[in-house]
């Protein structure tokens, strides 16, 4: 049974920074691409960033490019999302997710292709 546990969310002022972490267990973490999604109140869950199993490829939604950085430490079974220059519109529940297929060399943005999900961590950015 795969378990993903996010941490690092909180309340921050606009322009501030946070780093989210997602600890994984249950299957070989290093074999799978990982993604971060977010869901704001009244909106659908959107792709934010993703990273392949080898860290060879990363992908970001346009609204966070240059501000957010995804990374992973396969030795610690953890994926991170460093968020800088936060804006009020970044306020959402952030979820990490694990790709359903191993060894993917592309980052998919379709949430239906991610098989396992964490419980989410709240990020609130005040203006």
Foldseek 3Di string as FASTA:
>chain_A
DKAKAKDWADEEAAQAKIKMKIAMDDDQLLFWKKFKWWDDPPGDIWTAKIAGSVSPDMDGDPVQPPFWDWDDDSVRRMIMIIGGRDDQVVWTWMKMFIAPDTPDPDDDTDPVRTDDMHPTDTHGYHD
